Amino acid sequence: MVNHLYAALVRTTVAAESCVDAAQGRLRTLTDRRRRDDAGLATLEWVVLALGLFLLAGIAVGVITKVVNSDLGQIATPKAT
C-alpha cells in the first residue's frame, strides 16, 4: 500500500515538474520574443512625441490669441438702449 502511495506521489511530482518546466519555457520564449521585438514605440519616443504635440498646441494657442487680440477693436459691441 505504501509503495502505491509513493509511486502515485512520484508520478504527481514528475507531472507537476513537467508542467512547471513547460510554463517556464513558455515564459522564457515570451520574454525573449519581447526583448527582440522592436514593434511599437519606446517610452522616450512617446515623451518626445508628447512634447512636440504640446509645443504645437502652444503655438496654435499663441497664434489664435494674437489674431483675436488684434481684431478685437473691430468687433462691434451692441449699444445699450
N, C-alpha and C. Protein backbone atom coordinates (compact mmCIF):
# COMPACT_ATOMS: atom_id res chain seq x y z
N MET A 1 0.82 -1.19 0.00
CA MET A 1 0.00 0.00 0.00
C MET A 1 0.87 1.26 0.00
N VAL A 2 1.91 1.25 0.83
CA VAL A 2 2.80 2.40 0.89
C VAL A 2 3.52 2.57 -0.43
N ASN A 3 3.87 1.47 -1.08
CA ASN A 3 4.55 1.55 -2.37
C ASN A 3 3.65 2.21 -3.42
N HIS A 4 2.35 1.91 -3.39
CA HIS A 4 1.41 2.51 -4.34
C HIS A 4 1.29 4.02 -4.08
N LEU A 5 1.24 4.41 -2.81
CA LEU A 5 1.15 5.81 -2.47
C LEU A 5 2.43 6.55 -2.89
N TYR A 6 3.56 5.89 -2.65
CA TYR A 6 4.83 6.50 -3.04
C TYR A 6 4.91 6.66 -4.56
N ALA A 7 4.49 5.64 -5.29
CA ALA A 7 4.51 5.70 -6.75
C ALA A 7 3.58 6.80 -7.25
N ALA A 8 2.42 6.94 -6.65
CA ALA A 8 1.49 7.99 -7.04
C ALA A 8 2.08 9.36 -6.74
N LEU A 9 2.74 9.47 -5.61
CA LEU A 9 3.36 10.74 -5.24
C LEU A 9 4.47 11.09 -6.23
N VAL A 10 5.27 10.12 -6.61
CA VAL A 10 6.35 10.34 -7.57
C VAL A 10 5.77 10.76 -8.92
N ARG A 11 4.71 10.08 -9.38
CA ARG A 11 4.09 10.43 -10.66
C ARG A 11 3.53 11.85 -10.61
N THR A 12 2.90 12.20 -9.50
CA THR A 12 2.33 13.53 -9.35
C THR A 12 3.43 14.58 -9.34
N THR A 13 4.52 14.30 -8.65
CA THR A 13 5.65 15.23 -8.59
C THR A 13 6.27 15.41 -9.96
N VAL A 14 6.45 14.32 -10.69
CA VAL A 14 7.04 14.40 -12.03
C VAL A 14 6.11 15.19 -12.96
N ALA A 15 4.81 14.95 -12.85
CA ALA A 15 3.86 15.68 -13.68
C ALA A 15 3.88 17.17 -13.35
N ALA A 16 3.95 17.48 -12.06
CA ALA A 16 4.00 18.88 -11.65
C ALA A 16 5.28 19.55 -12.14
N GLU A 17 6.40 18.86 -12.02
CA GLU A 17 7.66 19.40 -12.52
C GLU A 17 7.60 19.62 -14.03
N SER A 18 6.96 18.71 -14.73
CA SER A 18 6.82 18.85 -16.17
C SER A 18 5.99 20.08 -16.52
N CYS A 19 4.91 20.29 -15.79
CA CYS A 19 4.07 21.47 -16.03
C CYS A 19 4.84 22.76 -15.73
N VAL A 20 5.59 22.76 -14.64
CA VAL A 20 6.37 23.93 -14.28
C VAL A 20 7.44 24.20 -15.33
N ASP A 21 8.10 23.14 -15.79
CA ASP A 21 9.11 23.31 -16.84
C ASP A 21 8.49 23.87 -18.12
N ALA A 22 7.33 23.38 -18.48
CA ALA A 22 6.65 23.88 -19.68
C ALA A 22 6.28 25.34 -19.51
N ALA A 23 5.78 25.71 -18.35
CA ALA A 23 5.41 27.11 -18.09
C ALA A 23 6.63 28.01 -18.12
N GLN A 24 7.73 27.54 -17.53
CA GLN A 24 8.96 28.33 -17.56
C GLN A 24 9.47 28.50 -18.98
N GLY A 25 9.39 27.45 -19.76
CA GLY A 25 9.83 27.52 -21.16
C GLY A 25 8.99 28.50 -21.95
N ARG A 26 7.68 28.45 -21.73
CA ARG A 26 6.77 29.38 -22.43
C ARG A 26 7.05 30.82 -22.02
N LEU A 27 7.24 31.03 -20.73
CA LEU A 27 7.54 32.37 -20.23
C LEU A 27 8.87 32.88 -20.79
N ARG A 28 9.85 32.00 -20.83
CA ARG A 28 11.16 32.38 -21.37
C ARG A 28 11.03 32.75 -22.85
N THR A 29 10.24 31.98 -23.60
CA THR A 29 10.03 32.28 -25.01
C THR A 29 9.36 33.64 -25.18
N LEU A 30 8.34 33.91 -24.38
CA LEU A 30 7.64 35.19 -24.48
C LEU A 30 8.54 36.36 -24.13
N THR A 31 9.34 36.22 -23.08
CA THR A 31 10.21 37.33 -22.68
C THR A 31 11.33 37.52 -23.70
N ASP A 32 11.85 36.44 -24.27
CA ASP A 32 12.88 36.58 -25.30
C ASP A 32 12.31 37.27 -26.54
N ARG A 33 11.11 36.89 -26.92
CA ARG A 33 10.47 37.50 -28.08
C ARG A 33 10.21 38.97 -27.81
N ARG A 34 9.80 39.28 -26.59
CA ARG A 34 9.52 40.67 -26.23
C ARG A 34 10.79 41.51 -26.30
N ARG A 35 11.91 40.94 -25.89
CA ARG A 35 13.17 41.68 -25.93
C ARG A 35 13.62 41.94 -27.36
N ARG A 36 13.36 40.98 -28.26
CA ARG A 36 13.80 41.11 -29.64
C ARG A 36 12.85 41.94 -30.48
N ASP A 37 11.60 42.02 -30.06
CA ASP A 37 10.57 42.68 -30.86
C ASP A 37 10.67 44.18 -30.68
N ASP A 38 10.93 44.89 -31.75
CA ASP A 38 11.04 46.35 -31.71
C ASP A 38 9.77 47.03 -32.19
N ALA A 39 8.69 46.28 -32.29
CA ALA A 39 7.44 46.89 -32.71
C ALA A 39 6.94 47.84 -31.63
N GLY A 40 6.40 48.96 -32.06
CA GLY A 40 5.90 49.92 -31.09
C GLY A 40 6.97 50.96 -30.75
N LEU A 41 6.57 51.88 -29.94
CA LEU A 41 7.46 52.97 -29.57
C LEU A 41 7.99 52.79 -28.16
N ALA A 42 9.20 53.24 -27.95
CA ALA A 42 9.80 53.22 -26.62
C ALA A 42 9.28 54.41 -25.82
N THR A 43 9.48 54.39 -24.55
CA THR A 43 8.99 55.44 -23.67
C THR A 43 9.56 56.80 -24.06
N LEU A 44 10.83 56.84 -24.38
CA LEU A 44 11.46 58.10 -24.76
C LEU A 44 10.82 58.66 -26.03
N GLU A 45 10.50 57.80 -26.97
CA GLU A 45 9.85 58.26 -28.19
C GLU A 45 8.48 58.84 -27.90
N TRP A 46 7.74 58.22 -26.98
CA TRP A 46 6.42 58.75 -26.59
C TRP A 46 6.56 60.12 -25.92
N VAL A 47 7.58 60.27 -25.11
CA VAL A 47 7.80 61.55 -24.43
C VAL A 47 8.11 62.64 -25.45
N VAL A 48 8.96 62.34 -26.41
CA VAL A 48 9.32 63.32 -27.44
C VAL A 48 8.08 63.69 -28.27
N LEU A 49 7.28 62.69 -28.64
CA LEU A 49 6.05 62.98 -29.38
C LEU A 49 5.09 63.85 -28.57
N ALA A 50 4.93 63.52 -27.29
CA ALA A 50 4.03 64.31 -26.44
C ALA A 50 4.52 65.75 -26.31
N LEU A 51 5.81 65.94 -26.11
CA LEU A 51 6.36 67.29 -26.02
C LEU A 51 6.17 68.07 -27.32
N GLY A 52 6.33 67.39 -28.44
CA GLY A 52 6.11 68.02 -29.73
C GLY A 52 4.66 68.45 -29.90
N LEU A 53 3.73 67.60 -29.48
CA LEU A 53 2.32 67.96 -29.58
C LEU A 53 1.98 69.13 -28.65
N PHE A 54 2.54 69.13 -27.45
CA PHE A 54 2.32 70.26 -26.54
C PHE A 54 2.88 71.55 -27.14
N LEU A 55 4.02 71.48 -27.78
CA LEU A 55 4.62 72.65 -28.42
C LEU A 55 3.72 73.17 -29.54
N LEU A 56 3.23 72.26 -30.38
CA LEU A 56 2.33 72.66 -31.46
C LEU A 56 1.05 73.28 -30.92
N ALA A 57 0.50 72.70 -29.86
CA ALA A 57 -0.72 73.25 -29.25
C ALA A 57 -0.44 74.64 -28.69
N GLY A 58 0.69 74.83 -28.06
CA GLY A 58 1.05 76.15 -27.53
C GLY A 58 1.20 77.18 -28.63
N ILE A 59 1.80 76.79 -29.74
CA ILE A 59 1.94 77.71 -30.87
C ILE A 59 0.56 78.07 -31.43
N ALA A 60 -0.31 77.07 -31.55
CA ALA A 60 -1.66 77.33 -32.07
C ALA A 60 -2.42 78.29 -31.15
N VAL A 61 -2.32 78.08 -29.85
CA VAL A 61 -2.99 78.98 -28.90
C VAL A 61 -2.42 80.39 -29.02
N GLY A 62 -1.13 80.51 -29.16
CA GLY A 62 -0.50 81.83 -29.30
C GLY A 62 -0.96 82.55 -30.55
N VAL A 63 -1.02 81.83 -31.67
CA VAL A 63 -1.44 82.44 -32.93
C VAL A 63 -2.90 82.88 -32.84
N ILE A 64 -3.76 82.01 -32.32
CA ILE A 64 -5.18 82.35 -32.20
C ILE A 64 -5.37 83.54 -31.27
N THR A 65 -4.67 83.55 -30.16
CA THR A 65 -4.78 84.66 -29.21
C THR A 65 -4.34 85.97 -29.86
N LYS A 66 -3.26 85.93 -30.63
CA LYS A 66 -2.75 87.14 -31.29
C LYS A 66 -3.76 87.66 -32.32
N VAL A 67 -4.35 86.75 -33.10
CA VAL A 67 -5.33 87.16 -34.11
C VAL A 67 -6.56 87.75 -33.45
N VAL A 68 -7.05 87.12 -32.40
CA VAL A 68 -8.24 87.62 -31.71
C VAL A 68 -7.95 88.98 -31.09
N ASN A 69 -6.82 89.12 -30.43
CA ASN A 69 -6.49 90.40 -29.80
C ASN A 69 -6.29 91.51 -30.82
N SER A 70 -5.75 91.19 -31.99
CA SER A 70 -5.53 92.23 -33.00
C SER A 70 -6.85 92.66 -33.64
N ASP A 71 -7.80 91.76 -33.74
CA ASP A 71 -9.10 92.09 -34.35
C ASP A 71 -10.15 92.47 -33.31
N LEU A 72 -9.78 92.55 -32.07
CA LEU A 72 -10.73 92.84 -31.00
C LEU A 72 -11.36 94.22 -31.14
N GLY A 73 -10.59 95.17 -31.63
CA GLY A 73 -11.10 96.54 -31.79
C GLY A 73 -12.14 96.64 -32.90
N GLN A 74 -12.13 95.74 -33.84
CA GLN A 74 -13.04 95.78 -34.97
C GLN A 74 -14.40 95.16 -34.65
N ILE A 75 -14.50 94.48 -33.53
CA ILE A 75 -15.76 93.84 -33.16
C ILE A 75 -16.70 94.89 -32.61
N ALA A 76 -17.88 94.98 -33.21
CA ALA A 76 -18.88 95.97 -32.78
C ALA A 76 -19.57 95.47 -31.52
N THR A 77 -19.70 96.34 -30.57
CA THR A 77 -20.40 95.97 -29.34
C THR A 77 -21.81 96.53 -29.42
N PRO A 78 -22.78 95.78 -28.98
CA PRO A 78 -24.16 96.28 -29.02
C PRO A 78 -24.33 97.46 -28.06
N LYS A 79 -25.11 98.43 -28.50
CA LYS A 79 -25.34 99.61 -27.67
C LYS A 79 -26.52 99.35 -26.75
N ALA A 80 -26.36 99.77 -25.54
CA ALA A 80 -27.44 99.59 -24.57
C ALA A 80 -28.55 100.60 -24.87
N THR A 81 -29.74 100.16 -24.76
CA THR A 81 -30.87 101.06 -25.05
C THR A 81 -31.53 101.57 -23.80
